[in-house]
Amino acid sequence: MSVATISSAEEDRASSYEEEEEEDRSSSYEEEEDELSPPPSPTLAKTSHDMSRQQQQMPAPPTMEQILQYMAQQSEVIATLQQQLLTLQTAAPAAATTPILATTPIVEAAPPPKFSGERSQVVGFINACRLFIQMRMGQVGSRSRISWVLSYVQGGVAEIWKDNILDEITKGTSEVDTEEELFTKIQQEFGEFDEESRKVDELRVLEQGGRTVDEYVQEFKRAARGSGYEGRALVEEFKRGLNGMIRRRLAEAETPPTTITQ
């Protein structure tokens, strides 16, 4: 065997050895890279799967026909609301012109004084009761009015008389059916037997005193009512009760008054 042949064979073996080593190194590098590479993340895989499912579940976009149908429905709703608003606006003026019932205002009135049976109290008590009933008890029945008047009859002989009237009312034997009939009984029981004589006596002792002229005029008119006095006799009695200074001025007047209102 020649030297050239031997040398060629050795070169082939060396080349084959180098190729094997190179393959071994490449295989080793690939295994190391596989070991160093992290495994795929399960979270990323799940997220990707969920996104895929959501994409599959998303509704399809509305069609043009569906959009037009929705717009038509909304137009009907708007037309209904406009009709309701027009109806309310039309009915509002009618409601505004509806008359409002006025409530009757409460008028203050002084209650009558207590009545104990004194003859001098009879007229004042009856008048005060009548005034209060007229102003505040228009809707109250007669039986309640009678009870109300009797509630102010207190003390003295009038208390016993009231108990007798109440007893008759309870038993149903009373002749009193209205407050006016009750006032008549009070007048008969406690009033003056001769009203005109009582009025004359009151008029003859009446004087102005500390009253103003206007107050004296009103008091004199009350006392003169039913006294039988009239004309010049009434004027002379009026002047007699005036205070001295005013009486002298009337006497010195060129045209003396002929009525108490002058």
C-alpha atoms as a PDB file:
ATOM      1  CA  MET A   1       0.000   0.000   0.000  1.00  0.00           C
ATOM      2  CA  SER A   2       1.434   3.300  -0.940  1.00  0.00           C
ATOM      3  CA  VAL A   3       1.963   6.294   1.354  1.00  0.00           C
ATOM      4  CA  ALA A   4      -0.541   8.380  -0.602  1.00  0.00           C
ATOM      5  CA  THR A   5      -3.272   5.812  -0.035  1.00  0.00           C
ATOM      6  CA  ILE A   6      -2.598   5.690   3.697  1.00  0.00           C
ATOM      7  CA  SER A   7      -2.625   9.496   3.947  1.00  0.00           C
ATOM      8  CA  SER A   8      -5.974   9.752   2.096  1.00  0.00           C
ATOM      9  CA  ALA A   9      -7.598   7.186   4.403  1.00  0.00           C
ATOM     10  CA  GLU A  10      -6.489   9.057   7.490  1.00  0.00           C
ATOM     11  CA  GLU A  11      -7.912  12.311   6.142  1.00  0.00           C
ATOM     12  CA  ASP A  12     -11.259  10.594   5.530  1.00  0.00           C
ATOM     13  CA  ARG A  13     -11.393   9.264   9.115  1.00  0.00           C
ATOM     14  CA  ALA A  14     -10.480  12.692  10.521  1.00  0.00           C
ATOM     15  CA  SER A  15     -13.187  14.376   8.475  1.00  0.00           C
ATOM     16  CA  SER A  16     -15.753  11.747   9.541  1.00  0.00           C
ATOM     17  CA  TYR A  17     -14.783  12.228  13.189  1.00  0.00           C
ATOM     18  CA  GLU A  18     -15.184  15.995  12.959  1.00  0.00           C
ATOM     19  CA  GLU A  19     -18.663  15.641  11.399  1.00  0.00           C
ATOM     20  CA  GLU A  20     -19.800  13.318  14.211  1.00  0.00           C
ATOM     21  CA  GLU A  21     -18.536  15.720  16.833  1.00  0.00           C
ATOM     22  CA  GLU A  22     -20.350  18.601  15.131  1.00  0.00           C
ATOM     23  CA  GLU A  23     -23.625  16.635  15.073  1.00  0.00           C
ATOM     24  CA  ASP A  24     -23.215  15.702  18.735  1.00  0.00           C
ATOM     25  CA  ARG A  25     -22.694  19.363  19.691  1.00  0.00           C
ATOM     26  CA  SER A  26     -25.757  20.503  17.672  1.00  0.00           C
ATOM     27  CA  SER A  27     -27.937  17.846  19.282  1.00  0.00           C
ATOM     28  CA  SER A  28     -26.673  18.827  22.727  1.00  0.00           C
ATOM     29  CA  TYR A  29     -27.426  22.500  22.055  1.00  0.00           C
ATOM     30  CA  GLU A  30     -31.001  21.698  20.938  1.00  0.00           C
ATOM     31  CA  GLU A  31     -31.669  19.609  24.061  1.00  0.00           C
ATOM     32  CA  GLU A  32     -30.374  22.416  26.283  1.00  0.00           C
ATOM     33  CA  GLU A  33     -32.619  24.956  24.522  1.00  0.00           C
ATOM     34  CA  ASP A  34     -35.633  22.668  24.979  1.00  0.00           C
ATOM     35  CA  GLU A  35     -34.873  22.370  28.695  1.00  0.00           C
ATOM     36  CA  LEU A  36     -34.403  26.139  29.113  1.00  0.00           C
ATOM     37  CA  SER A  37     -37.583  27.104  27.167  1.00  0.00           C
ATOM     38  CA  PRO A  38     -40.601  27.584  29.606  1.00  0.00           C
ATOM     39  CA  PRO A  39     -43.724  25.474  29.119  1.00  0.00           C
ATOM     40  CA  PRO A  40     -46.761  27.172  27.543  1.00  0.00           C
ATOM     41  CA  SER A  41     -48.851  29.237  30.124  1.00  0.00           C
ATOM     42  CA  PRO A  42     -52.251  27.647  30.974  1.00  0.00           C
ATOM     43  CA  THR A  43     -53.734  31.173  31.699  1.00  0.00           C
ATOM     44  CA  LEU A  44     -52.874  32.400  28.230  1.00  0.00           C
ATOM     45  CA  ALA A  45     -54.353  29.272  26.752  1.00  0.00           C
ATOM     46  CA  LYS A  46     -57.574  29.704  28.778  1.00  0.00           C
ATOM     47  CA  THR A  47     -57.855  33.403  27.841  1.00  0.00           C
ATOM     48  CA  SER A  48     -57.428  32.588  24.205  1.00  0.00           C
ATOM     49  CA  HIS A  49     -60.131  29.928  24.531  1.00  0.00           C
ATOM     50  CA  ASP A  50     -62.549  32.301  26.279  1.00  0.00           C
ATOM     51  CA  MET A  51     -62.038  34.981  23.661  1.00  0.00           C
ATOM     52  CA  SER A  52     -62.786  32.452  21.002  1.00  0.00           C
ATOM     53  CA  ARG A  53     -66.029  31.442  22.767  1.00  0.00           C
ATOM     54  CA  GLN A  54     -67.099  35.086  23.254  1.00  0.00           C
ATOM     55  CA  GLN A  55     -66.551  35.767  19.590  1.00  0.00           C
ATOM     56  CA  GLN A  56     -68.740  32.795  18.802  1.00  0.00           C
ATOM     57  CA  GLN A  57     -71.485  33.963  21.256  1.00  0.00           C
ATOM     58  CA  MET A  58     -71.630  37.652  20.175  1.00  0.00           C
ATOM     59  CA  PRO A  59     -74.983  38.419  18.485  1.00  0.00           C
ATOM     60  CA  ALA A  60     -75.004  39.274  14.927  1.00  0.00           C
ATOM     61  CA  PRO A  61     -75.374  42.992  14.114  1.00  0.00           C
ATOM     62  CA  PRO A  62     -78.994  44.099  13.446  1.00  0.00           C
ATOM     63  CA  THR A  63     -80.176  44.096   9.932  1.00  0.00           C
ATOM     64  CA  MET A  64     -81.538  47.163   8.170  1.00  0.00           C
ATOM     65  CA  GLU A  65     -85.080  45.772   8.456  1.00  0.00           C
ATOM     66  CA  GLN A  66     -84.729  45.420  12.244  1.00  0.00           C
ATOM     67  CA  ILE A  67     -83.437  48.999  12.550  1.00  0.00           C
ATOM     68  CA  LEU A  68     -86.380  50.377  10.550  1.00  0.00           C
ATOM     69  CA  GLN A  69     -88.857  48.379  12.660  1.00  0.00           C
ATOM     70  CA  TYR A  70     -87.362  49.774  15.912  1.00  0.00           C
ATOM     71  CA  MET A  71     -87.565  53.342  14.581  1.00  0.00           C
ATOM     72  CA  ALA A  72     -91.237  52.821  13.694  1.00  0.00           C
ATOM     73  CA  GLN A  73     -91.999  51.615  17.243  1.00  0.00           C
ATOM     74  CA  GLN A  74     -90.300  54.662  18.768  1.00  0.00           C
ATOM     75  CA  SER A  75     -92.285  56.947  16.475  1.00  0.00           C
ATOM     76  CA  GLU A  76     -95.544  55.403  17.746  1.00  0.00           C
ATOM     77  CA  VAL A  77     -94.465  55.958  21.391  1.00  0.00           C
ATOM     78  CA  ILE A  78     -93.631  59.614  20.695  1.00  0.00           C
ATOM     79  CA  ALA A  79     -96.981  60.162  18.957  1.00  0.00           C
ATOM     80  CA  THR A  80     -98.837  58.671  21.967  1.00  0.00           C
ATOM     81  CA  LEU A  81     -96.998  60.945  24.432  1.00  0.00           C
ATOM     82  CA  GLN A  82     -97.732  64.006  22.313  1.00  0.00           C
ATOM     83  CA  GLN A  83    -101.444  63.142  22.266  1.00  0.00           C
ATOM     84  CA  GLN A  84    -101.510  62.755  26.071  1.00  0.00           C
ATOM     85  CA  LEU A  85     -99.773  66.117  26.516  1.00  0.00           C
ATOM     86  CA  LEU A  86    -102.277  67.806  24.185  1.00  0.00           C
ATOM     87  CA  THR A  87    -105.161  66.302  26.184  1.00  0.00           C
ATOM     88  CA  LEU A  88    -103.754  67.629  29.462  1.00  0.00           C
ATOM     89  CA  GLN A  89    -103.214  71.102  28.007  1.00  0.00           C
ATOM     90  CA  THR A  90    -106.796  71.181  26.720  1.00  0.00           C
ATOM     91  CA  ALA A  91    -108.260  70.104  30.087  1.00  0.00           C
ATOM     92  CA  ALA A  92    -106.161  72.572  32.143  1.00  0.00           C
ATOM     93  CA  PRO A  93    -108.208  75.744  31.364  1.00  0.00           C
ATOM     94  CA  ALA A  94    -111.460  73.954  32.255  1.00  0.00           C
ATOM     95  CA  ALA A  95    -110.045  72.925  35.602  1.00  0.00           C
ATOM     96  CA  ALA A  96    -108.827  76.461  36.233  1.00  0.00           C
ATOM     97  CA  THR A  97    -112.302  77.915  35.679  1.00  0.00           C
ATOM     98  CA  THR A  98    -113.987  75.482  38.073  1.00  0.00           C
ATOM     99  CA  PRO A  99    -115.478  77.612  40.870  1.00  0.00           C
ATOM    100  CA  ILE A 100    -113.989  77.130  44.307  1.00  0.00           C
ATOM    101  CA  LEU A 101    -116.514  76.935  47.106  1.00  0.00           C
ATOM    102  CA  ALA A 102    -115.797  79.658  49.605  1.00  0.00           C
ATOM    103  CA  THR A 103    -115.802  78.699  53.236  1.00  0.00           C
ATOM    104  CA  THR A 104    -117.813  80.813  55.613  1.00  0.00           C
ATOM    105  CA  PRO A 105    -115.430  82.819  57.795  1.00  0.00           C
ATOM    106  CA  ILE A 106    -115.756  82.428  61.542  1.00  0.00           C
ATOM    107  CA  VAL A 107    -116.999  85.666  63.092  1.00  0.00           C
ATOM    108  CA  GLU A 108    -115.926  86.403  66.618  1.00  0.00           C
ATOM    109  CA  ALA A 109    -118.735  87.125  69.071  1.00  0.00           C
ATOM    110  CA  ALA A 110    -118.723  87.732  72.808  1.00  0.00           C
ATOM    111  CA  PRO A 111    -120.665  85.163  74.845  1.00  0.00           C
ATOM    112  CA  PRO A 112    -123.448  86.437  77.090  1.00  0.00           C
ATOM    113  CA  PRO A 113    -122.823  87.255  80.758  1.00  0.00           C
ATOM    114  CA  LYS A 114    -123.965  84.799  83.413  1.00  0.00           C
ATOM    115  CA  PHE A 115    -127.567  85.347  84.456  1.00  0.00           C
ATOM    116  CA  SER A 116    -128.489  84.918  88.129  1.00  0.00           C
ATOM    117  CA  GLY A 117    -132.073  86.135  87.982  1.00  0.00           C
ATOM    118  CA  GLU A 118    -131.578  89.867  88.618  1.00  0.00           C
ATOM    119  CA  ARG A 119    -134.333  91.875  86.932  1.00  0.00           C
ATOM    120  CA  SER A 120    -131.856  94.426  85.648  1.00  0.00           C
ATOM    121  CA  GLN A 121    -129.982  91.654  83.794  1.00  0.00           C
ATOM    122  CA  VAL A 122    -132.908  90.204  81.875  1.00  0.00           C
ATOM    123  CA  VAL A 123    -132.883  92.425  78.763  1.00  0.00           C
ATOM    124  CA  GLY A 124    -129.102  92.477  78.423  1.00  0.00           C
ATOM    125  CA  PHE A 125    -128.825  88.710  78.858  1.00  0.00           C
ATOM    126  CA  ILE A 126    -131.509  87.945  76.272  1.00  0.00           C
ATOM    127  CA  ASN A 127    -130.032  90.389  73.723  1.00  0.00           C
ATOM    128  CA  ALA A 128    -126.515  88.981  74.196  1.00  0.00           C
ATOM    129  CA  CYS A 129    -127.807  85.433  73.686  1.00  0.00           C
ATOM    130  CA  ARG A 130    -129.709  86.392  70.539  1.00  0.00           C
ATOM    131  CA  LEU A 131    -126.668  88.134  69.068  1.00  0.00           C
ATOM    132  CA  PHE A 132    -124.358  85.190  69.724  1.00  0.00           C
ATOM    133  CA  ILE A 133    -126.840  82.677  68.291  1.00  0.00           C
ATOM    134  CA  GLN A 134    -127.273  84.787  65.171  1.00  0.00           C
ATOM    135  CA  MET A 135    -123.523  85.119  64.562  1.00  0.00           C
ATOM    136  CA  ARG A 136    -122.185  81.728  65.608  1.00  0.00           C
ATOM    137  CA  MET A 137    -124.987  79.158  65.922  1.00  0.00           C
ATOM    138  CA  GLY A 138    -126.885  79.413  62.656  1.00  0.00           C
ATOM    139  CA  GLN A 139    -126.468  75.679  61.903  1.00  0.00           C
ATOM    140  CA  VAL A 140    -127.195  74.487  65.456  1.00  0.00           C
ATOM    141  CA  GLY A 141    -130.525  72.850  66.277  1.00  0.00           C
ATOM    142  CA  SER A 142    -133.105  74.360  68.648  1.00  0.00           C
ATOM    143  CA  ARG A 143    -132.564  71.786  71.408  1.00  0.00           C
ATOM    144  CA  SER A 144    -128.820  72.540  71.464  1.00  0.00           C
ATOM    145  CA  ARG A 145    -129.512  76.299  71.489  1.00  0.00           C
ATOM    146  CA  ILE A 146    -131.820  75.910  74.483  1.00  0.00           C
ATOM    147  CA  SER A 147    -129.180  73.905  76.366  1.00  0.00           C
ATOM    148  CA  TRP A 148    -126.542  76.503  75.496  1.00  0.00           C
ATOM    149  CA  VAL A 149    -128.676  79.407  76.846  1.00  0.00           C
ATOM    150  CA  LEU A 150    -129.431  77.504  80.055  1.00  0.00           C
ATOM    151  CA  SER A 151    -125.701  76.869  80.586  1.00  0.00           C
ATOM    152  CA  TYR A 152    -125.311  80.621  81.279  1.00  0.00           C
ATOM    153  CA  VAL A 153    -128.151  80.648  83.826  1.00  0.00           C
ATOM    154  CA  GLN A 154    -126.165  80.249  87.051  1.00  0.00           C
ATOM    155  CA  GLY A 155    -126.607  81.205  90.681  1.00  0.00           C
ATOM    156  CA  GLY A 156    -129.384  82.722  92.735  1.00  0.00           C
ATOM    157  CA  VAL A 157    -133.019  81.855  92.188  1.00  0.00           C
ATOM    158  CA  ALA A 158    -132.302  81.384  88.472  1.00  0.00           C
ATOM    159  CA  GLU A 159    -130.310  78.218  89.244  1.00  0.00           C
ATOM    160  CA  ILE A 160    -133.375  76.520  90.791  1.00  0.00           C
ATOM    161  CA  TRP A 161    -135.579  77.686  87.924  1.00  0.00           C
ATOM    162  CA  LYS A 162    -133.090  76.249  85.388  1.00  0.00           C
ATOM    163  CA  ASP A 163    -133.122  72.860  87.149  1.00  0.00           C
ATOM    164  CA  ASN A 164    -136.921  72.764  86.865  1.00  0.00           C
ATOM    165  CA  ILE A 165    -136.783  73.578  83.133  1.00  0.00           C
ATOM    166  CA  LEU A 166    -134.159  70.878  82.523  1.00  0.00           C
ATOM    167  CA  ASP A 167    -136.255  68.359  84.449  1.00  0.00           C
ATOM    168  CA  GLU A 168    -139.276  69.150  82.259  1.00  0.00           C
ATOM    169  CA  ILE A 169    -137.179  68.816  79.099  1.00  0.00           C
ATOM    170  CA  THR A 170    -135.870  65.417  80.239  1.00  0.00           C
ATOM    171  CA  LYS A 171    -139.367  64.128  80.994  1.00  0.00           C
ATOM    172  CA  GLY A 172    -140.762  65.503  77.737  1.00  0.00           C
ATOM    173  CA  THR A 173    -143.277  67.744  79.493  1.00  0.00           C
ATOM    174  CA  SER A 174    -141.598  71.072  78.684  1.00  0.00           C
ATOM    175  CA  GLU A 175    -143.483  73.678  76.658  1.00  0.00           C
ATOM    176  CA  VAL A 176    -140.194  75.176  75.463  1.00  0.00           C
ATOM    177  CA  ASP A 177    -139.294  74.053  71.926  1.00  0.00           C
ATOM    178  CA  THR A 178    -137.207  77.019  70.713  1.00  0.00           C
ATOM    179  CA  GLU A 179    -134.824  79.526  72.269  1.00  0.00           C
ATOM    180  CA  GLU A 180    -137.354  82.320  71.663  1.00  0.00           C
ATOM    181  CA  GLU A 181    -139.895  80.477  73.786  1.00  0.00           C
ATOM    182  CA  LEU A 182    -137.215  80.151  76.445  1.00  0.00           C
ATOM    183  CA  PHE A 183    -136.524  83.900  76.307  1.00  0.00           C
ATOM    184  CA  THR A 184    -140.258  84.546  76.774  1.00  0.00           C
ATOM    185  CA  LYS A 185    -140.257  82.369  79.900  1.00  0.00           C
ATOM    186  CA  ILE A 186    -137.190  84.186  81.270  1.00  0.00           C
ATOM    187  CA  GLN A 187    -138.893  87.509  80.644  1.00  0.00           C
ATOM    188  CA  GLN A 188    -142.086  86.339  82.344  1.00  0.00           C
ATOM    189  CA  GLU A 189    -140.265  84.838  85.307  1.00  0.00           C
ATOM    190  CA  PHE A 190    -137.618  87.476  86.004  1.00  0.00           C
ATOM    191  CA  GLY A 191    -138.574  90.581  83.960  1.00  0.00           C
ATOM    192  CA  GLU A 192    -140.446  93.702  85.064  1.00  0.00           C
ATOM    193  CA  PHE A 193    -144.218  93.390  85.425  1.00  0.00           C
ATOM    194  CA  ASP A 194    -144.640  96.910  84.098  1.00  0.00           C
ATOM    195  CA  GLU A 195    -141.907  97.357  81.466  1.00  0.00           C
ATOM    196  CA  GLU A 196    -142.918 100.928  80.605  1.00  0.00           C
ATOM    197  CA  SER A 197    -142.754 102.079  84.231  1.00  0.00           C
ATOM    198  CA  ARG A 198    -139.329 100.500  84.604  1.00  0.00           C
ATOM    199  CA  LYS A 199    -138.111 102.270  81.463  1.00  0.00           C
ATOM    200  CA  VAL A 200    -139.416 105.632  82.713  1.00  0.00           C
ATOM    201  CA  ASP A 201    -137.680 105.204  86.059  1.00  0.00           C
ATOM    202  CA  GLU A 202    -134.413 104.296  84.285  1.00  0.00           C
ATOM    203  CA  LEU A 203    -134.687 107.269  81.933  1.00  0.00           C
ATOM    204  CA  ARG A 204    -135.279 109.761  84.766  1.00  0.00           C
ATOM    205  CA  VAL A 205    -132.117 108.803  86.608  1.00  0.00           C
ATOM    206  CA  LEU A 206    -129.880 108.461  83.543  1.00  0.00           C
ATOM    207  CA  GLU A 207    -127.016 111.007  83.349  1.00  0.00           C
ATOM    208  CA  GLN A 208    -124.004 111.503  81.082  1.00  0.00           C
ATOM    209  CA  GLY A 209    -121.431 111.396  83.845  1.00  0.00           C
ATOM    210  CA  GLY A 210    -118.045 110.229  82.518  1.00  0.00           C
ATOM    211  CA  ARG A 211    -119.426 109.076  79.160  1.00  0.00           C
ATOM    212  CA  THR A 212    -118.766 110.896  75.901  1.00  0.00           C
ATOM    213  CA  VAL A 213    -121.743 112.576  74.245  1.00  0.00           C
ATOM    214  CA  ASP A 214    -121.987 109.793  71.664  1.00  0.00           C
ATOM    215  CA  GLU A 215    -121.960 107.128  74.384  1.00  0.00           C
ATOM    216  CA  TYR A 216    -124.648 109.013  76.330  1.00  0.00           C
ATOM    217  CA  VAL A 217    -126.796 109.275  73.192  1.00  0.00           C
ATOM    218  CA  GLN A 218    -126.684 105.521  72.631  1.00  0.00           C
ATOM    219  CA  GLU A 219    -127.425 104.745  76.272  1.00  0.00           C
ATOM    220  CA  PHE A 220    -130.318 107.240  76.296  1.00  0.00           C
ATOM    221  CA  LYS A 221    -131.820 105.685  73.155  1.00  0.00           C
ATOM    222  CA  ARG A 222    -131.718 102.257  74.768  1.00  0.00           C
ATOM    223  CA  ALA A 223    -133.408 103.501  77.939  1.00  0.00           C
ATOM    224  CA  ALA A 224    -136.006 105.532  76.023  1.00  0.00           C
ATOM    225  CA  ARG A 225    -137.108 102.576  73.920  1.00  0.00           C
ATOM    226  CA  GLY A 226    -140.451 101.412  75.309  1.00  0.00           C
ATOM    227  CA  SER A 227    -140.700 104.247  77.861  1.00  0.00           C
ATOM    228  CA  GLY A 228    -143.498 106.091  76.084  1.00  0.00           C
ATOM    229  CA  TYR A 229    -141.437 109.297  75.918  1.00  0.00           C
ATOM    230  CA  GLU A 230    -141.374 111.123  72.566  1.00  0.00           C
ATOM    231  CA  GLY A 231    -141.153 114.598  71.057  1.00  0.00           C
ATOM    232  CA  ARG A 232    -140.277 117.549  73.281  1.00  0.00           C
ATOM    233  CA  ALA A 233    -140.624 115.574  76.518  1.00  0.00           C
ATOM    234  CA  LEU A 234    -137.969 113.137  75.279  1.00  0.00           C
ATOM    235  CA  VAL A 235    -135.610 116.006  74.295  1.00  0.00           C
ATOM    236  CA  GLU A 236    -136.024 117.727  77.668  1.00  0.00           C
ATOM    237  CA  GLU A 237    -135.239 114.502  79.494  1.00  0.00           C
ATOM    238  CA  PHE A 238    -132.181 114.063  77.279  1.00  0.00           C
ATOM    239  CA  LYS A 239    -130.886 117.590  78.033  1.00  0.00           C
ATOM    240  CA  ARG A 240    -131.476 117.087  81.739  1.00  0.00           C
ATOM    241  CA  GLY A 241    -128.989 114.201  81.814  1.00  0.00           C
ATOM    242  CA  LEU A 242    -126.203 116.068  79.984  1.00  0.00           C
ATOM    243  CA  ASN A 243    -123.238 117.514  81.853  1.00  0.00           C
ATOM    244  CA  GLY A 244    -123.673 121.151  82.953  1.00  0.00           C
ATOM    245  CA  MET A 245    -121.297 122.782  80.437  1.00  0.00           C
ATOM    246  CA  ILE A 246    -122.855 121.046  77.435  1.00  0.00           C
ATOM    247  CA  ARG A 247    -126.356 121.768  78.743  1.00  0.00           C
ATOM    248  CA  ARG A 248    -125.554 125.506  78.976  1.00  0.00           C
ATOM    249  CA  ARG A 249    -124.140 125.559  75.430  1.00  0.00           C
ATOM    250  CA  LEU A 250    -127.344 123.985  74.139  1.00  0.00           C
ATOM    251  CA  ALA A 251    -129.410 126.561  76.025  1.00  0.00           C
ATOM    252  CA  GLU A 252    -127.407 129.423  74.482  1.00  0.00           C
ATOM    253  CA  ALA A 253    -127.715 128.037  70.932  1.00  0.00           C
ATOM    254  CA  GLU A 254    -129.713 130.130  68.454  1.00  0.00           C
ATOM    255  CA  THR A 255    -131.591 127.038  67.239  1.00  0.00           C
ATOM    256  CA  PRO A 256    -132.043 124.591  70.110  1.00  0.00           C
ATOM    257  CA  PRO A 257    -132.177 120.907  69.040  1.00  0.00           C
ATOM    258  CA  THR A 258    -135.573 119.355  68.614  1.00  0.00           C
ATOM    259  CA  THR A 259    -134.333 115.730  68.550  1.00  0.00           C
ATOM    260  CA  ILE A 260    -131.674 113.946  70.557  1.00  0.00           C
ATOM    261  CA  THR A 261    -129.646 113.254  67.385  1.00  0.00           C
ATOM    262  CA  GLN A 262    -129.152 116.980  66.770  1.00  0.00           C
END
